[in-house]
Amino acid sequence: MGSDPAGSDPGKVLLSVENLFVRRGSVEILKGVSLEIREGEIAALIGANGAGKSTLLMAISGILPVKDGSIRFLGEELRDLPPDRRVSRGVTQVPEGRRIFPRLTVLENLQIGGSLRQAGAELRKDLEWVLELFPVLRERQRQLAGTLSGGEQQMLAIGRGLMARPKLLMLDEPSLGLAPKAVSAVFEVIRAIHKAGVTLLLVEQNAFQALRVAQTAAVLETGCVVLSGPAADLRENPAVRQAYLGGG
């Protein structure tokens, strides 16, 4: 991650993770993870279940404590900041499993996403942009979120994350459990968000789709980054093709 496959001038380093160690209970999940994400890119993180991908996102978000290592965002050390202050700095995570508020309306869920921001014209403008990005949410903004389909709930979770106006949006398994048509829609939305200028870190079991949409990528195995670089190169790497792309 952080290299520039097109050969153009890469953006500045947005996120730098250095030698990160994280435990969950008595088990060490991350074992010296280091990576960089540059402004303006989609960076994909792939790996098997249990490799530590979600743990890494939760450590960056501040949900899990760090045993050792550094997490710097735009040069600022985040390690001791609580999650809400990281969101205010521009780091937002859309968690695996969506975790919307099912008994609140679509609109109320979106408003919660912007709750750390000051009310005003900019917040209203961002709400309008999210509703343009997800027309189904505009149609159903007064509907209880729990009555939406799985794909619609994923769109709502992403929209809620965007309401925080992130500089870095981290998506944890956005296509998990969705029908093929909904998966295609999610990846089109990811492209649209990127086109709008948001940097993304994408954790995704669907390695084929992730490596198609990303510019840079890394492979996480048993808590360690074992490969990283341009996504196009990883797509052609024989070990990656065998392990994550069905050998095709």
Protein backbone atom coordinates (compact mmCIF):
# COMPACT_ATOMS: atom_id res chain seq x y z
CA MET A 1 0.00 0.00 0.00
CA GLY A 2 1.15 3.49 -0.71
CA SER A 3 2.81 2.73 -4.06
CA ASP A 4 1.45 4.26 -7.25
CA PRO A 5 0.73 1.72 -10.00
CA ALA A 6 -0.05 4.33 -12.64
CA GLY A 7 3.28 6.09 -12.20
CA SER A 8 1.60 9.43 -11.46
CA ASP A 9 2.46 11.60 -8.47
CA PRO A 10 1.07 9.80 -5.40
CA GLY A 11 -0.85 11.68 -2.73
CA LYS A 12 0.60 12.41 0.68
CA VAL A 13 0.57 9.72 3.33
CA LEU A 14 -2.80 9.84 5.07
CA LEU A 15 -2.48 6.87 7.42
CA SER A 16 0.71 5.25 8.64
CA VAL A 17 0.59 2.11 10.79
CA GLU A 18 3.96 1.01 12.11
CA ASN A 19 4.87 -2.23 13.90
CA LEU A 20 1.38 -2.65 15.39
CA PHE A 21 0.74 -5.34 18.00
CA VAL A 22 -2.82 -5.97 19.23
CA ARG A 23 -4.18 -8.59 21.60
CA ARG A 24 -7.76 -9.78 21.99
CA GLY A 25 -7.88 -11.35 25.43
CA SER A 26 -4.78 -13.49 25.81
CA VAL A 27 -4.32 -14.01 22.06
CA GLU A 28 -1.97 -11.83 20.04
CA ILE A 29 -3.86 -11.09 16.80
CA LEU A 30 -1.66 -8.47 15.11
CA LYS A 31 2.08 -9.15 15.15
CA GLY A 32 3.98 -6.12 13.94
CA VAL A 33 1.69 -4.88 11.15
CA SER A 34 2.96 -1.93 9.11
CA LEU A 35 1.26 -0.24 6.17
CA GLU A 36 0.73 3.17 4.57
CA ILE A 37 -2.32 4.56 2.82
CA ARG A 38 -1.96 7.60 0.63
CA GLU A 39 -4.54 10.30 0.12
CA GLY A 40 -6.92 9.65 -2.76
CA GLU A 41 -6.49 5.89 -3.13
CA ILE A 42 -8.57 2.80 -2.50
CA ALA A 43 -6.44 0.37 -0.51
CA ALA A 44 -7.66 -3.22 -0.20
CA LEU A 45 -6.80 -5.58 2.64
CA ILE A 46 -7.40 -9.25 1.90
CA GLY A 47 -6.79 -12.45 3.83
CA ALA A 48 -8.46 -15.52 5.27
CA ASN A 49 -10.95 -15.46 8.13
CA GLY A 50 -9.07 -14.92 11.38
CA ALA A 51 -6.10 -13.22 9.72
CA GLY A 52 -6.66 -10.04 11.75
CA LYS A 53 -8.27 -7.76 9.17
CA SER A 54 -11.19 -6.58 11.33
CA THR A 55 -8.88 -6.33 14.34
CA LEU A 56 -6.67 -3.92 12.40
CA LEU A 57 -9.63 -1.69 11.52
CA MET A 58 -10.85 -1.68 15.11
CA ALA A 59 -7.38 -0.74 16.33
CA ILE A 60 -7.21 2.14 13.85
CA SER A 61 -10.69 3.25 14.97
CA GLY A 62 -9.77 3.07 18.65
CA ILE A 63 -12.26 0.32 19.48
CA LEU A 64 -9.45 -2.06 20.45
CA PRO A 65 -6.41 -1.02 22.50
CA VAL A 66 -2.92 -1.29 21.04
CA LYS A 67 -0.22 -3.21 22.87
CA ASP A 68 2.63 -1.66 20.91
CA GLY A 69 3.25 0.32 17.73
CA SER A 70 2.08 3.54 16.12
CA ILE A 71 -1.04 4.76 14.27
CA ARG A 72 -0.47 8.15 12.66
CA PHE A 73 -3.10 10.04 10.68
CA LEU A 74 -1.93 13.09 8.75
CA GLY A 75 1.16 12.99 10.96
CA GLU A 76 -0.77 12.95 14.26
CA GLU A 77 -0.43 9.99 16.62
CA LEU A 78 -3.89 8.52 17.24
CA ARG A 79 -2.98 5.74 19.63
CA ASP A 80 -4.20 7.49 22.80
CA LEU A 81 -7.23 9.22 21.26
CA PRO A 82 -10.74 7.84 21.98
CA PRO A 83 -12.87 6.69 19.00
CA ASP A 84 -15.03 9.84 18.81
CA ARG A 85 -11.96 12.09 18.51
CA ARG A 86 -10.62 9.88 15.73
CA VAL A 87 -13.92 10.30 13.90
CA SER A 88 -13.61 14.07 14.36
CA ARG A 89 -10.11 13.88 12.84
CA GLY A 90 -11.58 12.19 9.76
CA VAL A 91 -11.28 8.43 10.42
CA THR A 92 -14.59 6.56 10.10
CA GLN A 93 -15.30 2.83 10.10
CA VAL A 94 -18.34 1.06 8.64
CA PRO A 95 -18.32 -2.16 10.68
CA GLU A 96 -18.87 -5.71 9.49
CA GLY A 97 -22.51 -6.71 9.81
CA ARG A 98 -23.77 -3.15 9.21
CA ARG A 99 -24.95 -2.55 12.82
CA ILE A 100 -27.60 -0.04 11.93
CA PHE A 101 -30.26 1.01 14.45
CA PRO A 102 -33.22 -1.11 13.27
CA ARG A 103 -35.90 0.68 15.32
CA LEU A 104 -34.91 4.12 14.07
CA THR A 105 -35.80 5.47 10.64
CA VAL A 106 -33.38 5.63 7.75
CA LEU A 107 -33.14 9.41 8.21
CA GLU A 108 -32.48 9.10 11.94
CA ASN A 109 -29.66 6.61 11.27
CA LEU A 110 -28.08 9.06 8.83
CA GLN A 111 -28.42 11.92 11.30
CA ILE A 112 -26.62 9.85 13.96
CA GLY A 113 -23.72 9.54 11.51
CA GLY A 114 -23.34 13.31 11.53
CA SER A 115 -23.95 13.78 15.26
CA LEU A 116 -20.35 14.82 16.05
CA ARG A 117 -20.55 17.65 13.52
CA GLN A 118 -22.06 21.09 13.99
CA ALA A 119 -25.54 21.44 12.51
CA GLY A 120 -25.75 23.80 9.55
CA ALA A 121 -25.59 24.16 5.80
CA GLU A 122 -22.60 21.85 5.33
CA LEU A 123 -24.29 19.01 7.20
CA ARG A 124 -27.49 19.48 5.18
CA LYS A 125 -25.45 19.52 1.97
CA ASP A 126 -23.77 16.23 2.91
CA LEU A 127 -27.14 14.64 3.73
CA GLU A 128 -28.39 15.65 0.30
CA TRP A 129 -25.28 14.14 -1.30
CA VAL A 130 -25.79 10.84 0.55
CA LEU A 131 -29.43 10.73 -0.55
CA GLU A 132 -28.33 11.37 -4.14
CA LEU A 133 -25.74 8.62 -3.88
CA PHE A 134 -28.35 6.19 -2.51
CA PRO A 135 -31.74 6.99 -4.13
CA VAL A 136 -33.37 4.09 -2.29
CA LEU A 137 -32.56 5.80 1.03
CA ARG A 138 -34.29 8.97 -0.14
CA GLU A 139 -37.37 6.93 -1.05
CA ARG A 140 -37.36 5.18 2.32
CA GLN A 141 -35.99 7.82 4.66
CA ARG A 142 -39.09 7.66 6.91
CA GLN A 143 -39.05 3.85 6.97
CA LEU A 144 -37.68 1.88 9.92
CA ALA A 145 -34.15 0.76 9.09
CA GLY A 146 -34.82 -2.78 10.27
CA THR A 147 -37.35 -3.30 7.47
CA LEU A 148 -34.79 -2.70 4.70
CA SER A 149 -33.23 -5.54 2.70
CA GLY A 150 -29.66 -6.60 3.44
CA GLY A 151 -28.30 -4.62 0.51
CA GLU A 152 -30.27 -1.54 1.49
CA GLN A 153 -29.03 -1.81 5.08
CA GLN A 154 -25.46 -1.94 3.79
CA MET A 155 -26.09 1.22 1.77
CA LEU A 156 -27.49 2.85 4.92
CA ALA A 157 -24.43 1.83 6.94
CA ILE A 158 -22.12 3.34 4.32
CA GLY A 159 -24.27 6.46 4.10
CA ARG A 160 -24.18 6.84 7.89
CA GLY A 161 -20.38 6.62 7.76
CA LEU A 162 -20.22 9.29 5.06
CA MET A 163 -22.27 11.68 7.19
CA ALA A 164 -19.21 12.07 9.44
CA ARG A 165 -17.41 13.55 6.39
CA PRO A 166 -14.42 11.20 6.64
CA LYS A 167 -11.04 11.76 5.07
CA LEU A 168 -10.54 7.99 5.41
CA LEU A 169 -13.53 5.65 5.19
CA MET A 170 -12.82 2.08 6.33
CA LEU A 171 -15.26 -0.54 5.06
CA ASP A 172 -15.27 -3.91 6.81
CA GLU A 173 -16.69 -6.68 4.58
CA PRO A 174 -19.28 -4.49 2.79
CA SER A 175 -20.38 -7.32 0.45
CA LEU A 176 -20.70 -10.01 3.12
CA GLY A 177 -23.95 -11.97 2.88
CA LEU A 178 -25.35 -9.97 -0.03
CA ALA A 179 -26.92 -11.25 -3.25
CA PRO A 180 -24.77 -10.86 -6.39
CA LYS A 181 -26.79 -7.89 -7.64
CA ALA A 182 -26.37 -6.10 -4.31
CA VAL A 183 -22.62 -6.88 -4.32
CA SER A 184 -22.28 -5.18 -7.72
CA ALA A 185 -24.20 -2.16 -6.40
CA VAL A 186 -21.91 -1.89 -3.35
CA PHE A 187 -18.78 -1.84 -5.50
CA GLU A 188 -20.28 0.79 -7.79
CA VAL A 189 -20.93 2.91 -4.70
CA ILE A 190 -17.31 2.41 -3.58
CA ARG A 191 -16.15 3.74 -6.95
CA ALA A 192 -18.49 6.73 -6.67
CA ILE A 193 -17.26 7.57 -3.16
CA HIS A 194 -13.66 7.38 -4.33
CA LYS A 195 -14.46 9.60 -7.31
CA ALA A 196 -15.87 12.15 -4.86
CA GLY A 197 -12.45 12.40 -3.22
CA VAL A 198 -12.72 10.07 -0.21
CA THR A 199 -9.80 7.75 0.54
CA LEU A 200 -10.90 4.19 1.35
CA LEU A 201 -9.48 1.21 3.20
CA LEU A 202 -11.45 -1.83 2.10
CA VAL A 203 -11.45 -5.13 4.00
CA GLU A 204 -13.16 -7.66 1.77
CA GLN A 205 -13.51 -11.45 1.50
CA ASN A 206 -14.35 -11.04 -2.20
CA ALA A 207 -10.72 -10.66 -3.20
CA PHE A 208 -11.50 -10.61 -6.91
CA GLN A 209 -13.74 -7.55 -6.60
CA ALA A 210 -11.49 -5.88 -4.04
CA LEU A 211 -8.38 -6.14 -6.22
CA ARG A 212 -10.33 -4.85 -9.23
CA VAL A 213 -11.54 -1.69 -7.48
CA ALA A 214 -8.38 -0.89 -5.48
CA GLN A 215 -5.19 0.85 -6.54
CA THR A 216 -3.05 -0.70 -3.80
CA ALA A 217 -3.46 -3.81 -1.67
CA ALA A 218 -1.97 -5.90 1.09
CA VAL A 219 -2.37 -9.52 2.15
CA LEU A 220 -2.70 -10.24 5.87
CA GLU A 221 -1.93 -13.74 7.12
CA THR A 222 -1.99 -14.74 10.81
CA GLY A 223 -1.55 -11.15 11.93
CA CYS A 224 1.27 -10.22 9.57
CA VAL A 225 1.40 -8.37 6.24
CA VAL A 226 3.00 -10.87 3.88
CA LEU A 227 2.53 -9.05 0.55
CA SER A 228 1.74 -5.47 -0.46
CA GLY A 229 1.92 -3.28 -3.54
CA PRO A 230 -0.15 -2.25 -6.55
CA ALA A 231 -3.43 -4.17 -6.68
CA ALA A 232 -2.81 -5.04 -10.33
CA ASP A 233 0.44 -6.79 -9.35
CA LEU A 234 -1.26 -8.77 -6.58
CA ARG A 235 -3.95 -9.88 -9.03
CA GLU A 236 -1.22 -11.49 -11.12
CA ASN A 237 0.76 -12.92 -8.20
CA PRO A 238 0.57 -16.75 -8.42
CA ALA A 239 0.32 -17.20 -4.64
CA VAL A 240 -2.52 -14.66 -4.38
CA ARG A 241 -4.32 -16.20 -7.35
CA GLN A 242 -4.07 -19.66 -5.84
CA ALA A 243 -5.10 -18.67 -2.31
CA TYR A 244 -7.71 -15.96 -2.91
CA LEU A 245 -8.77 -15.94 -6.57
CA GLY A 246 -9.59 -19.60 -7.04
CA GLY A 247 -6.37 -20.24 -8.91
CA GLY A 248 -7.82 -18.55 -11.99
